[in-house]
N, C-alpha and C. Protein backbone atom coordinates (compact mmCIF):
# COMPACT_ATOMS: atom_id res chain seq x y z
N UNK A 1 -16.40 -36.44 31.13
CA UNK A 1 -15.71 -36.63 31.04
C UNK A 1 -14.54 -36.45 30.11
N UNK A 2 -14.88 -36.72 28.92
CA UNK A 2 -14.25 -36.21 27.95
C UNK A 2 -14.53 -34.69 26.99
N UNK A 3 -15.62 -34.02 28.11
CA UNK A 3 -15.87 -32.86 27.55
C UNK A 3 -14.91 -31.92 28.36
N UNK A 4 -14.40 -32.68 29.49
CA UNK A 4 -13.35 -31.22 30.49
C UNK A 4 -11.81 -31.18 29.90
N UNK A 5 -11.94 -32.98 29.45
CA UNK A 5 -10.44 -33.17 28.83
C UNK A 5 -10.05 -32.05 27.22
N UNK A 6 -11.41 -32.33 26.69
CA UNK A 6 -11.30 -31.27 24.94
C UNK A 6 -11.23 -30.31 26.01
N UNK A 7 -12.30 -29.17 26.69
CA UNK A 7 -12.23 -27.90 27.00
C UNK A 7 -10.70 -28.03 27.88
N UNK A 8 -9.94 -28.58 28.58
CA UNK A 8 -8.87 -28.09 29.01
C UNK A 8 -7.32 -28.60 28.17
N UNK A 9 -7.85 -29.55 27.48
CA UNK A 9 -7.12 -28.64 26.07
C UNK A 9 -7.10 -27.29 24.84
N UNK A 10 -8.30 -27.12 24.78
CA UNK A 10 -8.17 -25.68 24.10
C UNK A 10 -8.16 -24.87 24.90
N UNK A 11 -8.20 -24.31 26.27
CA UNK A 11 -7.23 -23.35 27.05
C UNK A 11 -6.04 -23.27 27.26
N UNK A 12 -5.60 -24.40 26.75
CA UNK A 12 -4.31 -24.89 26.78
C UNK A 12 -3.67 -24.22 25.42
N UNK A 13 -4.30 -24.67 24.36
CA UNK A 13 -4.08 -23.92 23.10
C UNK A 13 -4.20 -22.62 22.92
N UNK A 14 -5.38 -21.89 23.99
CA UNK A 14 -5.72 -20.37 23.86
C UNK A 14 -4.29 -19.82 24.81
N UNK A 15 -4.19 -19.84 25.88
CA UNK A 15 -3.18 -19.68 26.62
C UNK A 15 -2.10 -19.34 25.66
N UNK A 16 -1.29 -21.00 25.40
CA UNK A 16 0.12 -20.76 24.15
C UNK A 16 0.13 -19.16 22.81
N UNK A 17 -1.19 -19.27 22.45
CA UNK A 17 -1.60 -18.46 21.59
C UNK A 17 -1.28 -17.20 22.02
N UNK A 18 -2.17 -16.77 23.06
CA UNK A 18 -1.55 -15.17 23.52
C UNK A 18 -0.18 -14.71 24.57
N UNK A 19 0.25 -15.93 24.97
CA UNK A 19 1.78 -16.03 25.00
C UNK A 19 2.36 -15.35 23.75
N UNK A 20 2.33 -16.44 22.77
CA UNK A 20 3.04 -15.76 21.35
C UNK A 20 2.63 -15.06 21.22
N UNK A 21 1.75 -14.85 21.32
CA UNK A 21 0.83 -12.89 20.42
C UNK A 21 2.03 -11.93 21.31
N UNK A 22 1.83 -12.31 22.72
CA UNK A 22 2.42 -10.61 23.57
C UNK A 22 3.68 -10.67 23.27
N UNK A 23 4.87 -11.94 23.30
CA UNK A 23 6.03 -11.63 23.04
C UNK A 23 6.80 -11.18 21.59
N UNK A 24 5.87 -11.58 20.37
CA UNK A 24 6.10 -10.38 19.60
C UNK A 24 5.35 -9.71 19.37
N UNK A 25 4.91 -8.73 20.35
CA UNK A 25 4.40 -7.60 20.24
C UNK A 25 5.54 -6.95 21.14
N UNK A 26 5.96 -7.75 22.25
CA UNK A 26 7.17 -7.02 22.92
C UNK A 26 8.41 -6.78 22.00
N UNK A 27 8.47 -8.09 21.27
CA UNK A 27 9.96 -7.43 20.37
C UNK A 27 9.75 -6.49 19.33
N UNK A 28 8.84 -5.67 19.32
CA UNK A 28 8.55 -4.41 18.51
C UNK A 28 9.63 -3.27 18.76
N UNK A 29 9.94 -2.67 18.17
CA UNK A 29 11.11 -1.41 18.56
C UNK A 29 10.16 -0.48 18.92
N UNK A 30 9.57 0.16 17.78
CA UNK A 30 8.62 1.23 17.53
C UNK A 30 7.13 0.78 17.09
N UNK A 31 6.32 0.81 17.72
CA UNK A 31 5.21 0.96 17.34
C UNK A 31 4.35 2.21 16.92
N UNK A 32 4.03 1.84 15.32
CA UNK A 32 3.63 3.21 15.14
C UNK A 32 2.15 2.90 14.24
N UNK A 33 1.24 1.94 14.96
CA UNK A 33 0.36 2.10 14.42
C UNK A 33 -0.17 0.59 15.05
N UNK A 34 -1.50 0.22 14.19
CA UNK A 34 -2.40 -1.02 14.53
C UNK A 34 -3.30 -0.95 13.28
N UNK A 35 -3.90 -1.70 13.53
CA UNK A 35 -5.20 -2.24 12.36
C UNK A 35 -6.37 -1.85 12.68
N UNK A 36 -7.28 -1.12 11.69
CA UNK A 36 -8.56 -0.84 12.46
C UNK A 36 -9.49 -1.44 11.37
N UNK A 37 -9.19 -2.25 10.31
CA UNK A 37 -10.10 -3.30 9.95
C UNK A 37 -9.38 -3.63 9.15
N UNK A 38 -9.84 -5.52 8.71
CA UNK A 38 -8.95 -5.94 8.03
C UNK A 38 -10.26 -6.81 7.70
N UNK A 39 -9.55 -7.44 6.12
CA UNK A 39 -10.93 -7.33 5.31
C UNK A 39 -10.19 -9.01 4.58
N UNK A 40 -10.38 -10.33 4.41
CA UNK A 40 -9.87 -10.75 3.71
C UNK A 40 -8.30 -11.08 4.30
N UNK A 41 -7.37 -11.81 3.06
CA UNK A 41 -6.01 -12.56 3.67
C UNK A 41 -5.01 -11.21 3.73
N UNK A 42 -5.08 -11.14 5.01
CA UNK A 42 -3.89 -9.85 5.35
C UNK A 42 -2.39 -10.71 6.46
N UNK A 43 -1.74 -10.38 5.56
CA UNK A 43 -0.16 -10.99 6.11
C UNK A 43 0.80 -9.44 6.66
N UNK A 44 1.67 -10.09 7.66
CA UNK A 44 2.11 -8.97 8.86
C UNK A 44 3.51 -10.17 8.93
N UNK A 45 4.76 -8.88 8.06
CA UNK A 45 6.00 -9.33 8.51
C UNK A 45 6.69 -8.11 9.39
N UNK A 46 6.87 -8.37 10.94
CA UNK A 46 7.80 -7.59 11.58
C UNK A 46 8.73 -7.72 10.93
N UNK A 47 9.92 -6.50 10.87
CA UNK A 47 11.25 -6.31 10.53
C UNK A 47 12.26 -7.38 11.05
N UNK A 48 11.98 -7.44 12.10
CA UNK A 48 13.28 -7.68 13.58
C UNK A 48 12.83 -9.46 13.23
N UNK A 49 11.25 -10.03 12.91
CA UNK A 49 11.27 -11.93 12.68
C UNK A 49 11.03 -12.30 11.39
N UNK A 50 11.56 -11.65 10.14
CA UNK A 50 11.31 -12.09 9.02
C UNK A 50 9.84 -13.39 8.85
N UNK A 51 9.22 -13.50 9.48
CA UNK A 51 8.05 -14.37 9.47
C UNK A 51 6.65 -13.83 9.05
N UNK A 52 5.99 -14.28 7.90
CA UNK A 52 4.85 -13.73 7.72
C UNK A 52 3.75 -14.56 8.82
N UNK A 53 2.88 -13.74 9.25
CA UNK A 53 1.43 -13.97 9.97
C UNK A 53 0.25 -13.64 9.76
N UNK A 54 -0.75 -14.53 10.35
CA UNK A 54 -2.01 -13.65 9.53
C UNK A 54 -1.69 -12.43 10.30
N UNK A 55 -2.22 -11.60 9.58
CA UNK A 55 -2.90 -10.06 10.57
C UNK A 55 -4.44 -10.16 11.48
N UNK A 56 -4.27 -9.65 12.66
CA UNK A 56 -5.87 -9.42 13.43
C UNK A 56 -5.85 -7.58 13.50
N UNK A 57 -7.09 -7.47 14.29
CA UNK A 57 -7.38 -6.00 14.30
C UNK A 57 -6.17 -6.22 15.82
N UNK A 58 -5.89 -7.04 16.61
CA UNK A 58 -4.89 -6.79 17.48
C UNK A 58 -3.27 -6.58 17.30
N UNK A 59 -2.79 -7.38 15.82
CA UNK A 59 -2.22 -7.24 15.75
C UNK A 59 -1.37 -5.35 15.72
N UNK A 60 -0.16 -5.66 16.53
CA UNK A 60 0.73 -4.04 16.01
C UNK A 60 1.46 -3.67 14.95
N UNK A 61 1.67 -2.67 14.32
CA UNK A 61 2.42 -2.38 13.40
C UNK A 61 3.37 -1.30 14.04
N UNK A 62 4.49 -2.10 13.38
CA UNK A 62 6.49 -1.59 13.87
C UNK A 62 6.85 -0.64 12.65
N UNK A 63 7.86 -0.13 12.53
CA UNK A 63 8.67 0.78 11.85
C UNK A 63 9.44 -0.57 10.91
N UNK A 64 9.30 -0.54 10.22
CA UNK A 64 9.41 -1.12 8.84
C UNK A 64 9.10 -2.33 8.66
N UNK A 65 8.25 -3.30 9.41
CA UNK A 65 7.49 -3.90 9.10
C UNK A 65 6.63 -3.99 7.40
N UNK A 66 6.60 -4.99 7.72
CA UNK A 66 6.01 -5.09 5.42
C UNK A 66 4.48 -6.10 6.05
N UNK A 67 3.68 -5.19 5.20
CA UNK A 67 1.88 -5.75 5.51
C UNK A 67 1.66 -6.32 3.45
N UNK A 68 1.55 -7.23 3.92
CA UNK A 68 0.73 -8.47 2.17
C UNK A 68 -0.67 -8.38 2.36
N UNK A 69 -1.02 -8.02 1.30
CA UNK A 69 -2.52 -8.34 0.99
C UNK A 69 -2.79 -9.14 0.25
N UNK A 70 -4.13 -9.84 -0.08
CA UNK A 70 -4.00 -11.11 -0.53
C UNK A 70 -5.02 -10.21 -1.60
N UNK A 71 -5.43 -10.95 -2.45
CA UNK A 71 -6.29 -10.72 -3.69
C UNK A 71 -7.93 -10.75 -3.11
N UNK A 72 -8.15 -9.08 -3.58
CA UNK A 72 -9.71 -9.48 -3.04
C UNK A 72 -9.71 -9.07 -1.67
N UNK A 73 -8.47 -8.33 -0.92
CA UNK A 73 -8.23 -8.12 0.68
C UNK A 73 -8.38 -6.54 0.93
N UNK A 74 -8.37 -6.04 1.89
CA UNK A 74 -8.04 -4.59 2.32
C UNK A 74 -7.99 -4.69 3.65
N UNK A 75 -6.72 -3.47 4.54
CA UNK A 75 -7.15 -3.55 5.20
C UNK A 75 -6.63 -1.82 5.57
N UNK A 76 -7.14 -1.29 6.53
CA UNK A 76 -7.05 0.07 7.37
C UNK A 76 -6.37 0.14 7.96
N UNK A 77 -4.85 0.69 8.34
CA UNK A 77 -4.66 0.77 9.56
C UNK A 77 -4.64 1.97 10.01
N UNK A 78 -4.04 2.43 11.13
CA UNK A 78 -4.28 3.73 11.84
C UNK A 78 -3.06 3.64 12.58
N UNK A 79 -2.23 4.81 11.67
CA UNK A 79 -1.00 5.31 12.30
C UNK A 79 -0.56 6.07 12.96
N UNK A 80 -0.06 6.06 14.07
CA UNK A 80 0.13 7.03 15.25
C UNK A 80 1.07 8.13 15.14
N UNK A 81 0.90 9.21 15.51
CA UNK A 81 0.64 10.94 14.73
C UNK A 81 1.88 10.82 16.16
N UNK A 82 3.30 11.30 15.98
CA UNK A 82 4.08 11.29 17.14
C UNK A 82 4.30 12.90 17.51
N UNK A 83 3.95 13.48 18.70
CA UNK A 83 4.24 15.26 18.37
C UNK A 83 5.83 15.25 18.75
N UNK A 84 6.37 15.73 17.85
CA UNK A 84 7.77 16.57 18.26
C UNK A 84 7.55 17.91 19.31
N UNK A 85 8.83 17.09 20.50
CA UNK A 85 8.80 18.38 21.32
C UNK A 85 10.18 19.18 20.52
N UNK A 86 10.14 21.05 20.66
CA UNK A 86 10.80 21.44 20.37
C UNK A 86 11.24 22.69 21.53
């Protein structure tokens, strides 16, 4: 009984976290890239939210975002190149 309650609580926490991440991504104006590698403490501040969040490989980079890199940490962003139509 206790294990099934714990499992339901964990599933609830996971679904809440996925919802919050989806909302944060949807509020992004122009997506310009994403992280392909993260090592150490990397934080991301979306320009429209002004709140630092831990960056993950699922994080999207938006126009005017700020990336904070902790001591002895590094990140590799992949930037999207948009072809201009002439």
